[in-house]
Protein backbone atom coordinates (compact mmCIF):
# COMPACT_ATOMS: atom_id res chain seq x y z
CA MET A 1 18.98 -9.27 -16.47
CA ALA A 2 18.84 -6.75 -13.89
CA LYS A 3 17.66 -9.17 -11.41
CA SER A 4 20.35 -9.35 -8.92
CA GLY A 5 21.77 -12.23 -6.84
CA TRP A 6 24.32 -12.61 -4.62
CA ILE A 7 26.05 -15.71 -3.19
CA GLY A 8 26.90 -17.21 0.14
CA ASN A 9 30.30 -18.42 1.24
CA ARG A 10 28.51 -22.16 1.97
CA VAL A 11 27.99 -22.46 -1.27
CA GLY A 12 31.07 -21.71 -3.22
CA LEU A 13 32.52 -19.68 -5.64
CA VAL A 14 31.63 -22.09 -8.61
CA ALA A 15 27.78 -21.90 -7.65
CA LEU A 16 28.98 -18.14 -7.96
CA ALA A 17 29.56 -18.30 -11.54
CA VAL A 18 27.14 -20.24 -12.68
CA PHE A 19 24.44 -18.02 -10.93
CA CYS A 20 26.19 -14.74 -12.96
CA LEU A 21 26.67 -17.12 -16.40
CA GLY A 22 23.51 -18.90 -16.60
CA ALA A 23 21.41 -20.46 -13.57
CA LEU A 24 18.56 -18.34 -14.61
CA ASP A 25 19.23 -18.91 -18.07
CA SER A 26 18.58 -21.45 -20.77
CA SER A 27 21.16 -23.45 -22.29
CA THR A 28 19.18 -23.64 -25.28
CA PRO A 29 18.65 -20.88 -27.16
CA ILE A 30 17.18 -17.94 -25.96
CA ARG A 31 13.47 -17.65 -26.30
CA PRO A 32 11.20 -14.94 -27.37
CA ARG A 33 9.58 -14.89 -24.29
CA SER A 34 13.48 -14.33 -22.03
CA LEU A 35 13.93 -11.67 -24.54
CA LEU A 36 10.78 -9.83 -23.48
CA ILE A 37 11.83 -10.27 -19.68
CA LEU A 38 15.51 -8.60 -19.99
CA ASP A 39 15.67 -5.72 -17.49
CA VAL A 40 11.98 -5.30 -17.61
CA TRP A 41 12.23 -3.87 -14.13
CA GLN A 42 15.08 -1.66 -14.88
CA GLN A 43 13.41 -0.25 -17.63
CA ILE A 44 10.46 0.74 -15.94
CA ALA A 45 12.38 2.24 -13.05
CA VAL A 46 14.83 3.96 -15.72
CA ARG A 47 11.81 5.72 -17.78
CA CYS A 48 9.93 6.17 -14.76
CA ARG A 49 10.84 6.53 -11.27
CA HIS A 50 11.61 9.73 -11.71
CA TYR A 51 8.03 10.86 -12.63
CA ALA A 52 6.85 8.79 -9.61
CA ARG A 53 8.94 10.26 -7.32
CA GLU A 54 8.54 13.68 -7.98
CA LYS A 55 6.91 15.18 -5.22
CA LEU A 56 4.11 17.31 -6.85
CA ALA A 57 1.06 18.14 -4.56
CA PRO A 58 -0.93 15.34 -3.57
CA TYR A 59 -4.68 15.33 -4.78
CA PRO A 60 -7.76 14.36 -3.13
CA TRP A 61 -10.57 11.51 -4.38
CA PRO A 62 -12.71 12.62 -7.45
CA LEU A 63 -16.41 11.88 -5.54
CA LYS A 64 -17.86 13.39 -2.41
CA PRO A 65 -16.91 13.51 0.19
CA PHE A 66 -13.09 14.75 -1.44
CA ASP A 67 -11.22 13.91 2.07
CA ARG A 68 -12.57 10.63 3.01
CA GLN A 69 -11.42 7.32 2.01
CA HIS A 70 -13.08 5.77 -1.27
CA PRO A 71 -13.27 1.73 -1.80
CA VAL A 72 -11.10 0.78 -4.66
CA ARG A 73 -12.06 -2.65 -6.45
CA GLY A 74 -9.25 -2.25 -9.04
CA TYR A 75 -5.75 -1.71 -8.24
CA PHE A 76 -2.93 -0.55 -10.52
CA GLY A 77 -0.94 -3.25 -12.18
CA ASP A 78 -3.91 -5.91 -11.55
CA PRO A 79 -3.97 -8.57 -14.28
CA ARG A 80 -6.74 -7.76 -17.39
CA THR A 81 -7.90 -11.21 -18.51
CA VAL A 82 -10.23 -11.65 -21.59
CA PHE A 83 -10.24 -15.21 -22.64
CA THR A 84 -11.40 -15.94 -26.27
CA GLY A 85 -10.10 -19.62 -26.32
CA PRO A 86 -7.86 -22.07 -24.14
CA ASP A 87 -4.94 -19.39 -23.26
CA GLU A 88 -5.83 -16.98 -26.04
CA GLY A 89 -7.22 -13.46 -25.77
CA VAL A 90 -6.52 -10.14 -24.63
CA PHE A 91 -3.84 -9.64 -21.48
CA SER A 92 -3.07 -6.80 -19.92
CA PHE A 93 -1.89 -4.80 -17.10
CA HIS A 94 -4.79 -2.34 -15.17
CA SER A 95 -3.20 1.54 -15.74
CA GLY A 96 -4.88 3.29 -12.70
CA ILE A 97 -7.09 2.81 -9.95
CA ASP A 98 -11.30 1.91 -9.85
CA ILE A 99 -13.13 3.44 -7.36
CA SER A 100 -15.91 2.21 -6.71
CA ALA A 101 -19.08 4.28 -7.03
CA TYR A 102 -23.03 4.23 -8.16
CA PRO A 103 -24.51 5.08 -11.56
CA GLY A 104 -24.81 8.68 -12.00
CA ASN A 105 -22.45 10.17 -9.08
CA PRO A 106 -20.92 13.20 -10.41
CA VAL A 107 -17.05 12.76 -10.85
CA TYR A 108 -14.76 15.78 -10.16
CA PRO A 109 -11.40 16.65 -11.28
CA VAL A 110 -8.66 16.14 -8.55
CA VAL A 111 -6.34 18.65 -9.94
CA SER A 112 -7.49 21.70 -11.75
CA GLY A 113 -6.53 21.75 -15.66
CA THR A 114 -8.09 22.15 -18.81
CA VAL A 115 -10.04 19.29 -20.70
CA VAL A 116 -7.95 17.83 -23.51
CA ARG A 117 -10.05 14.74 -24.70
CA VAL A 118 -13.69 13.83 -24.53
CA THR A 119 -14.74 10.62 -25.91
CA ARG A 120 -18.21 8.53 -25.01
CA ASP A 121 -16.11 6.72 -22.04
CA VAL A 122 -12.97 9.14 -21.43
CA ILE A 123 -12.18 12.41 -20.11
CA ALA A 124 -8.26 13.44 -19.95
CA VAL A 125 -7.46 16.43 -18.02
CA SER A 126 -4.18 18.32 -18.42
CA THR A 127 -2.83 19.96 -15.24
CA ILE A 128 -0.27 22.66 -15.09
CA ASP A 129 2.20 20.96 -13.58
CA ALA A 130 2.45 18.75 -16.54
CA ARG A 131 0.55 15.89 -15.50
CA ARG A 132 -2.30 14.72 -17.53
CA PHE A 133 -5.26 12.57 -15.16
CA GLN A 134 -7.81 10.32 -17.39
CA TYR A 135 -11.31 9.87 -15.86
CA ILE A 136 -12.92 6.91 -17.53
CA HIS A 137 -16.66 5.15 -17.74
CA LEU A 138 -18.27 8.75 -17.67
CA GLU A 139 -21.34 10.54 -19.00
CA PRO A 140 -19.31 13.30 -20.06
CA LEU A 141 -20.86 17.12 -19.03
CA VAL A 142 -17.53 19.23 -20.43
CA HIS A 143 -15.99 19.99 -23.49
CA VAL A 144 -12.20 19.80 -24.84
CA GLY A 145 -10.65 23.34 -23.78
CA GLU A 146 -12.81 23.64 -21.30
CA THR A 147 -10.89 24.86 -17.60
CA VAL A 148 -12.08 22.76 -15.13
CA ILE A 149 -11.03 23.39 -11.50
CA ALA A 150 -10.57 20.42 -8.48
CA SER A 151 -13.41 19.69 -6.66
CA GLN A 152 -15.95 21.88 -8.20
CA THR A 153 -16.31 21.25 -11.93
CA VAL A 154 -18.70 18.29 -12.79
CA LEU A 155 -16.52 16.48 -15.02
CA GLY A 156 -19.48 13.58 -15.95
CA THR A 157 -21.41 11.16 -13.98
CA ILE A 158 -20.49 7.62 -13.70
CA ARG A 159 -22.13 5.56 -16.26
CA PRO A 160 -25.46 2.49 -16.03
CA ARG A 161 -23.50 -1.07 -15.32
CA TRP A 162 -19.84 0.39 -14.70
CA ASN A 163 -20.07 1.18 -10.77
CA HIS A 164 -17.20 3.02 -10.71
CA VAL A 165 -14.61 5.22 -12.07
CA HIS A 166 -11.31 4.51 -13.59
CA LEU A 167 -8.82 7.37 -12.65
CA THR A 168 -5.37 7.08 -14.34
CA GLU A 169 -2.44 9.43 -13.56
CA ILE A 170 0.46 10.26 -16.10
CA ARG A 171 3.81 12.08 -15.90
CA GLY A 172 5.84 12.34 -18.58
CA SER A 173 4.99 9.10 -21.14
CA CYS A 174 4.34 6.95 -17.69
CA ALA A 175 0.94 6.07 -16.20
CA VAL A 176 2.02 5.76 -12.48
CA ASN A 177 0.00 4.54 -9.11
CA PRO A 178 -2.33 6.84 -7.72
CA LEU A 179 -2.30 4.97 -4.54
CA ALA A 180 1.20 5.20 -4.16
CA LYS A 181 2.68 7.86 -0.85
CA GLY A 182 1.98 11.51 -2.04
CA HIS A 183 -0.56 10.91 -4.67
CA LEU A 184 -4.02 10.46 -3.96
CA THR A 185 -5.05 11.42 -0.57
CA PRO A 186 -6.28 10.44 2.12
CA TYR A 187 -5.31 6.83 1.76
CA VAL A 188 -4.66 4.42 4.58
CA ASP A 189 -4.15 0.80 4.38
CA ASP A 190 -3.27 -1.81 6.90
CA THR A 191 -4.03 -4.68 5.32
CA VAL A 192 -1.14 -7.32 4.65
CA PRO A 193 -1.04 -9.12 1.20
CA THR A 194 -1.11 -12.87 1.43
CA VAL A 195 1.26 -15.46 -0.30
CA ARG A 196 -1.22 -18.15 -0.71
CA ALA A 197 1.07 -20.75 -2.43
CA ILE A 198 4.58 -21.33 -4.00
CA LEU A 199 4.26 -23.39 -6.77
CA PHE A 200 6.67 -25.67 -8.18
CA ARG A 201 6.41 -26.27 -12.46
CA THR A 202 8.35 -28.38 -15.03
CA PRO A 203 9.45 -26.10 -18.21
CA ALA A 204 6.19 -27.85 -20.05
CA GLY A 205 4.43 -26.73 -16.71
CA LYS A 206 3.12 -29.76 -15.02
CA ALA A 207 3.33 -29.30 -11.12
CA ILE A 208 5.99 -31.24 -9.38
CA SER A 209 7.03 -31.87 -5.94
CA PRO A 210 10.08 -29.27 -4.36
CA HIS A 211 11.19 -32.13 -2.47
CA ALA A 212 13.12 -33.74 -5.56
CA LEU A 213 14.13 -31.01 -7.99
CA ASP A 214 16.86 -31.45 -11.08
CA GLY A 215 17.04 -29.72 -13.70
CA LYS A 216 15.28 -26.50 -15.00
CA VAL A 217 12.22 -25.64 -12.81
CA ARG A 218 9.48 -22.86 -12.81
CA ILE A 219 8.73 -21.02 -9.43
CA LEU A 220 5.12 -19.50 -9.51
CA ALA A 221 3.49 -16.99 -6.36
CA ASP A 222 -0.08 -17.26 -5.95
CA ALA A 223 0.11 -13.84 -4.19
CA TYR A 224 -2.80 -11.25 -3.72
CA ASP A 225 -3.87 -7.89 -1.70
CA THR A 226 -7.06 -7.35 -0.03
CA PRO A 227 -8.56 -3.84 -0.43
CA PRO A 228 -8.62 -1.61 3.03
CA ILE A 229 -12.29 -1.08 2.36
CA PRO A 230 -14.68 -3.43 0.56
CA SER A 231 -16.37 -2.43 -2.08
CA PRO A 232 -20.40 -2.65 -2.49
CA ILE A 233 -21.09 -6.35 -3.75
CA PRO A 234 -20.14 -8.62 -5.77
CA TRP A 235 -17.07 -7.05 -5.45
CA ASP A 236 -16.54 -6.54 -1.53
CA SER A 237 -13.35 -7.46 -1.17
CA LEU A 238 -12.10 -9.36 -4.20
CA PRO A 239 -8.27 -9.68 -4.80
CA VAL A 240 -6.15 -6.98 -5.71
CA ALA A 241 -2.55 -6.74 -6.68
CA PRO A 242 0.18 -6.18 -4.56
CA GLU A 243 2.85 -3.38 -5.33
CA ARG A 244 5.62 -5.68 -4.97
CA VAL A 245 6.28 -9.22 -5.42
CA THR A 246 9.82 -10.74 -4.52
CA TRP A 247 11.62 -13.94 -3.62
CA SER A 248 14.87 -15.40 -2.55
CA LEU A 249 16.60 -18.58 -2.09
CA ALA A 250 18.80 -19.32 0.63
CA THR A 251 20.54 -22.11 2.31
CA PRO A 252 19.40 -23.74 5.45
CA GLY A 253 21.91 -21.52 7.36
CA GLY A 254 20.08 -18.79 5.99
CA ARG A 255 22.65 -17.52 3.13
CA VAL A 256 21.18 -15.95 0.60
CA ILE A 257 22.03 -17.03 -3.12
CA ILE A 258 19.44 -15.31 -5.12
CA ARG A 259 17.16 -12.25 -4.63
CA ASN A 260 14.94 -11.20 -7.25
CA THR A 261 11.85 -9.36 -8.27
CA GLY A 262 9.03 -11.07 -9.89
CA ALA A 263 6.73 -7.96 -9.96
CA ASP A 264 7.18 -4.29 -9.20
CA PHE A 265 4.65 -1.32 -9.84
CA ARG A 266 6.22 1.19 -7.97
CA TRP A 267 7.33 3.27 -10.58
CA GLY A 268 4.81 2.48 -13.45
CA GLU A 269 3.40 0.13 -15.84
CA PRO A 270 5.26 -2.53 -17.84
CA LEU A 271 4.60 -3.04 -21.38
CA ARG A 272 1.46 -4.95 -22.48
CA ALA A 273 3.87 -7.62 -24.29
CA GLN A 274 5.52 -8.13 -20.69
CA PHE A 275 2.10 -9.14 -19.53
CA CYS A 276 3.24 -13.18 -19.74
CA THR A 277 6.58 -13.02 -18.12
CA VAL A 278 5.11 -11.53 -14.78
CA TYR A 279 1.77 -13.60 -14.44
CA ALA A 280 1.59 -16.97 -15.24
CA PRO A 281 -0.92 -19.21 -16.95
CA GLY A 282 -3.59 -19.76 -14.88
CA THR A 283 -3.75 -15.91 -13.56
CA GLU A 284 -7.61 -14.63 -14.21
CA GLN A 285 -8.88 -11.38 -13.09
CA ASN A 286 -11.82 -10.88 -11.13
CA SER A 287 -15.11 -11.56 -13.02
CA ALA A 288 -13.57 -12.65 -15.68
CA THR A 289 -14.65 -13.17 -19.27
CA ILE A 290 -13.67 -16.68 -20.47
CA VAL A 291 -14.93 -17.89 -23.82
CA GLY A 292 -17.72 -15.37 -23.62
CA SER A 293 -18.91 -16.80 -20.36
CA PHE A 294 -18.88 -13.79 -17.59
CA HIS A 295 -18.01 -15.27 -14.45
CA TRP A 296 -19.80 -12.10 -12.27
CA GLY A 297 -18.23 -11.71 -8.69
CA LYS A 298 -15.58 -14.76 -9.27
CA PRO A 299 -12.21 -13.96 -7.31
CA GLY A 300 -9.63 -13.68 -9.67
CA ARG A 301 -6.17 -15.67 -8.90
CA TYR A 302 -2.64 -14.08 -9.34
CA LEU A 303 0.13 -16.07 -10.53
CA TYR A 304 3.00 -14.37 -10.43
CA ASP A 305 6.40 -15.99 -12.71
CA LEU A 306 9.21 -15.72 -10.55
CA THR A 307 11.62 -17.53 -13.10
CA PRO A 308 10.59 -16.16 -16.83
CA ASP A 309 14.08 -17.82 -17.84
CA LEU A 310 13.56 -21.02 -15.34
CA LEU A 311 16.07 -21.81 -12.46
CA ASN A 312 18.33 -24.57 -13.55
CA THR A 313 18.77 -26.54 -10.06
CA ALA A 314 21.83 -28.73 -11.76
CA TYR A 315 24.11 -25.89 -10.59
CA LEU A 316 22.92 -26.56 -6.92
CA PRO A 317 24.60 -28.82 -4.86
CA ASP A 318 22.50 -31.65 -3.40
CA GLY A 319 20.83 -30.14 -0.40
CA ARG A 320 17.85 -28.39 1.19
CA TYR A 321 17.27 -24.88 0.51
CA ARG A 322 14.69 -22.17 1.47
CA VAL A 323 12.46 -20.39 -0.76
CA THR A 324 10.95 -17.15 0.54
CA VAL A 325 8.45 -15.13 -1.49
CA ASN A 326 7.50 -11.56 -0.15
CA ALA A 327 4.13 -9.79 -1.31
CA ILE A 328 4.47 -5.85 -0.12
CA ASP A 329 1.67 -3.42 -0.71
CA SER A 330 1.97 0.42 -1.06
CA ALA A 331 1.69 1.12 2.35
CA GLY A 332 4.60 -1.18 2.76
CA ASN A 333 2.48 -4.05 4.33
CA LYS A 334 4.14 -6.87 3.48
CA GLY A 335 3.21 -10.77 3.84
CA THR A 336 5.64 -13.53 3.72
CA ARG A 337 5.73 -17.37 2.65
CA SER A 338 8.86 -19.83 2.75
CA THR A 339 8.79 -23.25 1.60
CA GLU A 340 11.39 -25.74 1.77
CA ILE A 341 13.09 -27.19 -1.28
CA GLU A 342 15.70 -30.09 -1.91
CA VAL A 343 17.80 -30.54 -4.59
CA ASP A 344 18.75 -34.01 -5.81
CA HIS A 345 20.84 -35.00 -9.03
CA ALA A 346 19.82 -38.82 -8.52
CA HIS A 347 16.65 -38.19 -9.89
CA THR A 348 15.96 -37.78 -13.37
CA PRO A 349 15.11 -34.35 -14.54
CA PRO A 350 12.51 -33.39 -16.66
CA PRO A 351 12.40 -32.88 -20.43
CA THR A 352 13.28 -29.08 -20.69
CA THR A 353 10.96 -29.06 -23.48
CA VAL A 354 9.33 -25.22 -22.63
CA ALA A 355 5.62 -25.18 -23.16
CA THR A 356 4.88 -22.37 -25.51
CA ASP A 357 2.59 -19.55 -23.89
CA ARG A 358 0.11 -18.20 -26.48
CA ARG A 359 -1.36 -15.41 -24.62
CA CYS A 360 1.29 -12.89 -25.65
CA ALA A 361 1.88 -14.83 -28.95
CA ASN A 362 0.18 -11.92 -30.97
CA ALA A 363 0.74 -9.21 -28.20
CA PRO A 364 -0.21 -5.87 -29.73
CA ALA A 365 2.32 -2.70 -29.59
CA PRO A 366 1.89 -1.04 -26.12
CA PRO A 367 -1.34 1.25 -26.33
CA ARG A 368 -1.30 4.93 -25.03
CA PRO A 369 -2.28 4.94 -21.80
CA GLU A 370 -5.48 7.16 -22.44
CA ALA A 371 -6.84 3.89 -24.38
CA ASN A 372 -6.13 1.41 -21.19
């Protein structure tokens, strides 16, 4: 796996070998879900890091006033969940940001270029510096082939009921975060993400106490960020995804045994099929649709699966350890929570049967970014 760890001296070489060879792996045949997590964040970094970090000219907001920050109610990497049944439906990552606006508000290009796509809902503009910007939920006022000027040409107006424009920035084949430093400007964020809870589950998904762990366990983080500017009701300050979620396991003396990444949207958007290796069951988006019922204004819950291949505590010596989870946003604000765990091999380890995650069992092929 691309997720790396290092061992403290007090744990010893035996534990080091175990963690390198399989503390985060199952001794049973690899599950299809495990294959999906393999090098997820490394794959994204290799494919998209260059584009995300390429220093191109920053761009203004697509709404007037162009030089003033607007409320953003949906962040890059947010979970998108449409439940058609228990643990079934359509699940994906949010490929851009949702900027709040009222129906009828005009939307302008953030960078000059040529219109390359127009549908009833989507306008795409290709720029001279090889970027492509998508503006979604508009009544279009331009046509394919038209040259448009940043902050001057009206691309279209916000469609009724949507109350926002979805902005996606594409560099190469990668959708990148418009709120990353050096992209959309001005953007200031002084809110600190929250790690609300660190949760422990059996492989089958049953909640367990962290004070008597044995065998294979799953660690989840209930974490979220808060937008710096509230959107109009009912969105207000509903949760959004942090840019990164990381975690570590350490001895009481502070020696780090494992340091891993649960989510990292700095460089791009994971494939849709990888949704279930990032967001755990129980994750819901804001105002989720659940079996035909629209939960208008209800806050979402973002559960990050920190150990999609499970943590095998059987290889840890008995004793106490500390799990720490960090949630970091694109401005560098960091929220942290730690909890003490205890490994006790005198207990009977829970069954290792792994619950089937039906959410991504039939995940479709990854769509083109403009289809999101």
